[in-house]
């Protein structure tokens, strides 16, 4: 990976739908050469995919909550994660240090919907020891982007 690849990745990370011709203009290369580099970056696993970010408000998904799920001793982390991942309202699952717990990010319609998901789809599983919920009141930044450079810092 060289500086041009990094420039291409930064451009695509900022706006994945930017036309290839515009990327080529910004890096000073022919569009065909840029397309070849992008395909190579995809093949090498630097680019996982492309997503459309939908407006949660337009789909009645106004409430964000973070739920800590502590699993019972002896339960399989992998199996529990798979079960939780099947819940469509769960956007992220992280196994975090501390009390053998998952940190889940959920996006739901309202507190009634959140309560239903926690009671019926999360808390009802035998691997769940306890849950703790934090409801987001305001979001000031939410992104999947991260800074990239040649040194990986």
C-alpha atoms as a PDB file:
ATOM      1  CA  UNK A   1       0.000   0.000   0.000  1.00  0.00           C
ATOM      2  CA  UNK A   2       1.365   3.400  -0.952  1.00  0.00           C
ATOM      3  CA  UNK A   3       0.350   7.035  -0.439  1.00  0.00           C
ATOM      4  CA  UNK A   4      -2.008   6.977  -3.448  1.00  0.00           C
ATOM      5  CA  UNK A   5      -3.855   3.963  -2.033  1.00  0.00           C
ATOM      6  CA  UNK A   6      -4.197   5.806   1.277  1.00  0.00           C
ATOM      7  CA  UNK A   7      -5.558   8.894  -0.508  1.00  0.00           C
ATOM      8  CA  UNK A   8      -8.067   6.715  -2.365  1.00  0.00           C
ATOM      9  CA  UNK A   9      -9.183   5.054   0.885  1.00  0.00           C
ATOM     10  CA  UNK A  10      -9.579   8.424   2.606  1.00  0.00           C
ATOM     11  CA  UNK A  11     -11.675   9.739  -0.286  1.00  0.00           C
ATOM     12  CA  UNK A  12     -13.902   6.637  -0.329  1.00  0.00           C
ATOM     13  CA  UNK A  13     -14.251   6.613   3.449  1.00  0.00           C
ATOM     14  CA  UNK A  14     -15.514  10.198   3.361  1.00  0.00           C
ATOM     15  CA  UNK A  15     -17.979   9.518   0.542  1.00  0.00           C
ATOM     16  CA  UNK A  16     -18.263   6.003  -0.855  1.00  0.00           C
ATOM     17  CA  UNK A  17     -20.414   7.093  -3.792  1.00  0.00           C
ATOM     18  CA  UNK A  18     -17.877   9.544  -5.167  1.00  0.00           C
ATOM     19  CA  UNK A  19     -17.509   8.907  -8.909  1.00  0.00           C
ATOM     20  CA  UNK A  20     -14.354   7.103  -9.976  1.00  0.00           C
ATOM     21  CA  UNK A  21     -13.509  10.024 -12.264  1.00  0.00           C
ATOM     22  CA  UNK A  22     -13.531  12.381  -9.256  1.00  0.00           C
ATOM     23  CA  UNK A  23     -11.264  10.070  -7.248  1.00  0.00           C
ATOM     24  CA  UNK A  24      -8.912   9.928 -10.215  1.00  0.00           C
ATOM     25  CA  UNK A  25      -8.890  13.726 -10.450  1.00  0.00           C
ATOM     26  CA  UNK A  26      -8.101  14.099  -6.750  1.00  0.00           C
ATOM     27  CA  UNK A  27      -5.182  11.656  -6.833  1.00  0.00           C
ATOM     28  CA  UNK A  28      -3.915  12.699 -10.275  1.00  0.00           C
ATOM     29  CA  UNK A  29      -4.327   9.369 -12.053  1.00  0.00           C
ATOM     30  CA  UNK A  30      -6.335   7.913 -14.906  1.00  0.00           C
ATOM     31  CA  UNK A  31      -9.792   6.597 -13.920  1.00  0.00           C
ATOM     32  CA  UNK A  32      -8.916   3.094 -15.148  1.00  0.00           C
ATOM     33  CA  UNK A  33      -5.816   2.992 -12.934  1.00  0.00           C
ATOM     34  CA  UNK A  34      -7.847   4.162  -9.928  1.00  0.00           C
ATOM     35  CA  UNK A  35     -10.511   1.524 -10.577  1.00  0.00           C
ATOM     36  CA  UNK A  36      -7.802  -1.131 -10.741  1.00  0.00           C
ATOM     37  CA  UNK A  37      -6.372   0.061  -7.411  1.00  0.00           C
ATOM     38  CA  UNK A  38      -9.821   0.055  -5.783  1.00  0.00           C
ATOM     39  CA  UNK A  39     -10.487  -3.499  -6.965  1.00  0.00           C
ATOM     40  CA  UNK A  40      -7.076  -4.543  -5.607  1.00  0.00           C
ATOM     41  CA  UNK A  41      -7.826  -2.908  -2.232  1.00  0.00           C
ATOM     42  CA  UNK A  42     -11.171  -4.735  -2.114  1.00  0.00           C
ATOM     43  CA  UNK A  43      -9.523  -8.049  -2.962  1.00  0.00           C
ATOM     44  CA  UNK A  44      -6.833  -7.544  -0.300  1.00  0.00           C
ATOM     45  CA  UNK A  45      -9.517  -6.871   2.332  1.00  0.00           C
ATOM     46  CA  UNK A  46      -8.810  -3.184   2.955  1.00  0.00           C
ATOM     47  CA  UNK A  47     -12.356  -2.383   1.829  1.00  0.00           C
ATOM     48  CA  UNK A  48     -15.000  -4.543   3.503  1.00  0.00           C
ATOM     49  CA  UNK A  49     -17.941  -3.161   1.552  1.00  0.00           C
ATOM     50  CA  UNK A  50     -20.111  -0.151   0.900  1.00  0.00           C
ATOM     51  CA  UNK A  51     -23.184   0.872   2.883  1.00  0.00           C
ATOM     52  CA  UNK A  52     -25.960   3.374   2.584  1.00  0.00           C
ATOM     53  CA  UNK A  53     -26.636   5.269   5.817  1.00  0.00           C
ATOM     54  CA  UNK A  54     -30.389   5.590   6.182  1.00  0.00           C
ATOM     55  CA  UNK A  55     -32.078   8.234   8.313  1.00  0.00           C
ATOM     56  CA  UNK A  56     -33.287   6.450  11.474  1.00  0.00           C
ATOM     57  CA  UNK A  57     -35.950   9.115  12.021  1.00  0.00           C
ATOM     58  CA  UNK A  58     -37.563   8.360   8.662  1.00  0.00           C
ATOM     59  CA  UNK A  59     -37.959   4.717   9.743  1.00  0.00           C
ATOM     60  CA  UNK A  60     -39.168   5.339  13.299  1.00  0.00           C
ATOM     61  CA  UNK A  61     -35.902   4.276  14.910  1.00  0.00           C
ATOM     62  CA  UNK A  62     -35.454   7.389  17.039  1.00  0.00           C
ATOM     63  CA  UNK A  63     -34.189   5.807  20.247  1.00  0.00           C
ATOM     64  CA  UNK A  64     -30.625   4.565  20.730  1.00  0.00           C
ATOM     65  CA  UNK A  65     -29.726   2.525  23.777  1.00  0.00           C
ATOM     66  CA  UNK A  66     -26.625   0.759  24.980  1.00  0.00           C
ATOM     67  CA  UNK A  67     -27.328  -2.467  26.834  1.00  0.00           C
ATOM     68  CA  UNK A  68     -24.783  -4.375  28.859  1.00  0.00           C
ATOM     69  CA  UNK A  69     -25.576  -8.085  28.917  1.00  0.00           C
ATOM     70  CA  UNK A  70     -23.738 -10.111  31.515  1.00  0.00           C
ATOM     71  CA  UNK A  71     -23.611 -13.784  30.642  1.00  0.00           C
ATOM     72  CA  UNK A  72     -23.890 -16.577  33.186  1.00  0.00           C
ATOM     73  CA  UNK A  73     -20.733 -18.464  34.189  1.00  0.00           C
ATOM     74  CA  UNK A  74     -19.909 -21.354  31.889  1.00  0.00           C
ATOM     75  CA  UNK A  75     -21.990 -20.042  28.989  1.00  0.00           C
ATOM     76  CA  UNK A  76     -20.446 -19.848  25.532  1.00  0.00           C
ATOM     77  CA  UNK A  77     -19.475 -16.340  24.500  1.00  0.00           C
ATOM     78  CA  UNK A  78     -19.645 -17.304  20.819  1.00  0.00           C
ATOM     79  CA  UNK A  79     -23.098 -18.887  21.041  1.00  0.00           C
ATOM     80  CA  UNK A  80     -24.459 -15.976  23.080  1.00  0.00           C
ATOM     81  CA  UNK A  81     -23.036 -13.502  20.561  1.00  0.00           C
ATOM     82  CA  UNK A  82     -24.662 -15.394  17.699  1.00  0.00           C
ATOM     83  CA  UNK A  83     -28.045 -15.355  19.425  1.00  0.00           C
ATOM     84  CA  UNK A  84     -27.787 -11.624  20.162  1.00  0.00           C
ATOM     85  CA  UNK A  85     -26.607 -10.876  16.606  1.00  0.00           C
ATOM     86  CA  UNK A  86     -29.841 -12.382  15.263  1.00  0.00           C
ATOM     87  CA  UNK A  87     -31.859  -9.585  16.891  1.00  0.00           C
ATOM     88  CA  UNK A  88     -32.407  -7.083  14.077  1.00  0.00           C
ATOM     89  CA  UNK A  89     -32.582  -4.066  16.370  1.00  0.00           C
ATOM     90  CA  UNK A  90     -29.044  -4.800  17.606  1.00  0.00           C
ATOM     91  CA  UNK A  91     -26.627  -2.745  15.524  1.00  0.00           C
ATOM     92  CA  UNK A  92     -23.381  -3.573  17.334  1.00  0.00           C
ATOM     93  CA  UNK A  93     -22.147  -6.250  19.728  1.00  0.00           C
ATOM     94  CA  UNK A  94     -18.883  -5.962  21.614  1.00  0.00           C
ATOM     95  CA  UNK A  95     -17.529  -8.404  24.197  1.00  0.00           C
ATOM     96  CA  UNK A  96     -15.976  -6.105  26.783  1.00  0.00           C
ATOM     97  CA  UNK A  97     -13.580  -6.603  29.658  1.00  0.00           C
ATOM     98  CA  UNK A  98     -14.842  -6.791  33.178  1.00  0.00           C
ATOM     99  CA  UNK A  99     -17.755  -9.007  34.044  1.00  0.00           C
ATOM    100  CA  UNK A 100     -17.976 -11.310  31.022  1.00  0.00           C
ATOM    101  CA  UNK A 101     -20.359  -8.914  29.381  1.00  0.00           C
ATOM    102  CA  UNK A 102     -21.478  -7.781  25.981  1.00  0.00           C
ATOM    103  CA  UNK A 103     -22.095  -4.164  25.133  1.00  0.00           C
ATOM    104  CA  UNK A 104     -24.918  -3.877  22.613  1.00  0.00           C
ATOM    105  CA  UNK A 105     -26.046  -0.865  20.636  1.00  0.00           C
ATOM    106  CA  UNK A 106     -29.749  -0.970  19.809  1.00  0.00           C
ATOM    107  CA  UNK A 107     -31.816   1.366  17.663  1.00  0.00           C
ATOM    108  CA  UNK A 108     -35.550   1.131  18.326  1.00  0.00           C
ATOM    109  CA  UNK A 109     -38.761   3.123  17.987  1.00  0.00           C
ATOM    110  CA  UNK A 110     -39.331   4.081  21.626  1.00  0.00           C
ATOM    111  CA  UNK A 111     -38.949   2.928  25.242  1.00  0.00           C
ATOM    112  CA  UNK A 112     -41.868   0.500  24.929  1.00  0.00           C
ATOM    113  CA  UNK A 113     -40.151  -1.181  21.975  1.00  0.00           C
ATOM    114  CA  UNK A 114     -36.833  -1.194  23.879  1.00  0.00           C
ATOM    115  CA  UNK A 115     -38.438  -2.812  26.925  1.00  0.00           C
ATOM    116  CA  UNK A 116     -40.039  -5.458  24.762  1.00  0.00           C
ATOM    117  CA  UNK A 117     -36.720  -6.332  23.077  1.00  0.00           C
ATOM    118  CA  UNK A 118     -34.887  -6.504  26.414  1.00  0.00           C
ATOM    119  CA  UNK A 119     -37.568  -8.654  28.097  1.00  0.00           C
ATOM    120  CA  UNK A 120     -38.548 -10.961  25.246  1.00  0.00           C
ATOM    121  CA  UNK A 121     -35.519 -11.225  22.989  1.00  0.00           C
ATOM    122  CA  UNK A 122     -32.509 -10.610  25.239  1.00  0.00           C
ATOM    123  CA  UNK A 123     -33.364 -11.306  28.879  1.00  0.00           C
ATOM    124  CA  UNK A 124     -35.351 -14.458  28.151  1.00  0.00           C
ATOM    125  CA  UNK A 125     -32.249 -16.449  27.166  1.00  0.00           C
ATOM    126  CA  UNK A 126     -30.724 -18.773  29.766  1.00  0.00           C
ATOM    127  CA  UNK A 127     -27.227 -17.435  29.093  1.00  0.00           C
ATOM    128  CA  UNK A 128     -28.248 -13.956  30.331  1.00  0.00           C
ATOM    129  CA  UNK A 129     -27.370 -13.281  33.946  1.00  0.00           C
ATOM    130  CA  UNK A 130     -28.317  -9.595  33.944  1.00  0.00           C
ATOM    131  CA  UNK A 131     -28.779  -6.529  31.759  1.00  0.00           C
ATOM    132  CA  UNK A 132     -28.180  -2.837  32.300  1.00  0.00           C
ATOM    133  CA  UNK A 133     -29.525  -0.224  29.906  1.00  0.00           C
ATOM    134  CA  UNK A 134     -28.404   3.323  29.146  1.00  0.00           C
ATOM    135  CA  UNK A 135     -30.689   5.374  26.893  1.00  0.00           C
ATOM    136  CA  UNK A 136     -29.023   7.948  24.659  1.00  0.00           C
ATOM    137  CA  UNK A 137     -30.424  11.446  25.173  1.00  0.00           C
ATOM    138  CA  UNK A 138     -28.357  13.228  22.506  1.00  0.00           C
ATOM    139  CA  UNK A 139     -25.838  12.131  19.893  1.00  0.00           C
ATOM    140  CA  UNK A 140     -23.096  14.543  18.903  1.00  0.00           C
ATOM    141  CA  UNK A 141     -21.011  12.236  16.748  1.00  0.00           C
ATOM    142  CA  UNK A 142     -21.683   8.854  15.212  1.00  0.00           C
ATOM    143  CA  UNK A 143     -19.454   7.449  12.509  1.00  0.00           C
ATOM    144  CA  UNK A 144     -17.773   4.285  11.312  1.00  0.00           C
ATOM    145  CA  UNK A 145     -14.856   6.256   9.882  1.00  0.00           C
ATOM    146  CA  UNK A 146     -11.395   6.255  11.428  1.00  0.00           C
ATOM    147  CA  UNK A 147      -8.141   8.008  10.517  1.00  0.00           C
ATOM    148  CA  UNK A 148      -5.760   6.055   8.317  1.00  0.00           C
ATOM    149  CA  UNK A 149      -2.162   6.635   7.329  1.00  0.00           C
ATOM    150  CA  UNK A 150       0.860   4.689   6.163  1.00  0.00           C
ATOM    151  CA  UNK A 151       1.966   3.762   9.686  1.00  0.00           C
ATOM    152  CA  UNK A 152      -1.483   2.568  10.755  1.00  0.00           C
ATOM    153  CA  UNK A 153      -1.774   5.126  13.559  1.00  0.00           C
END
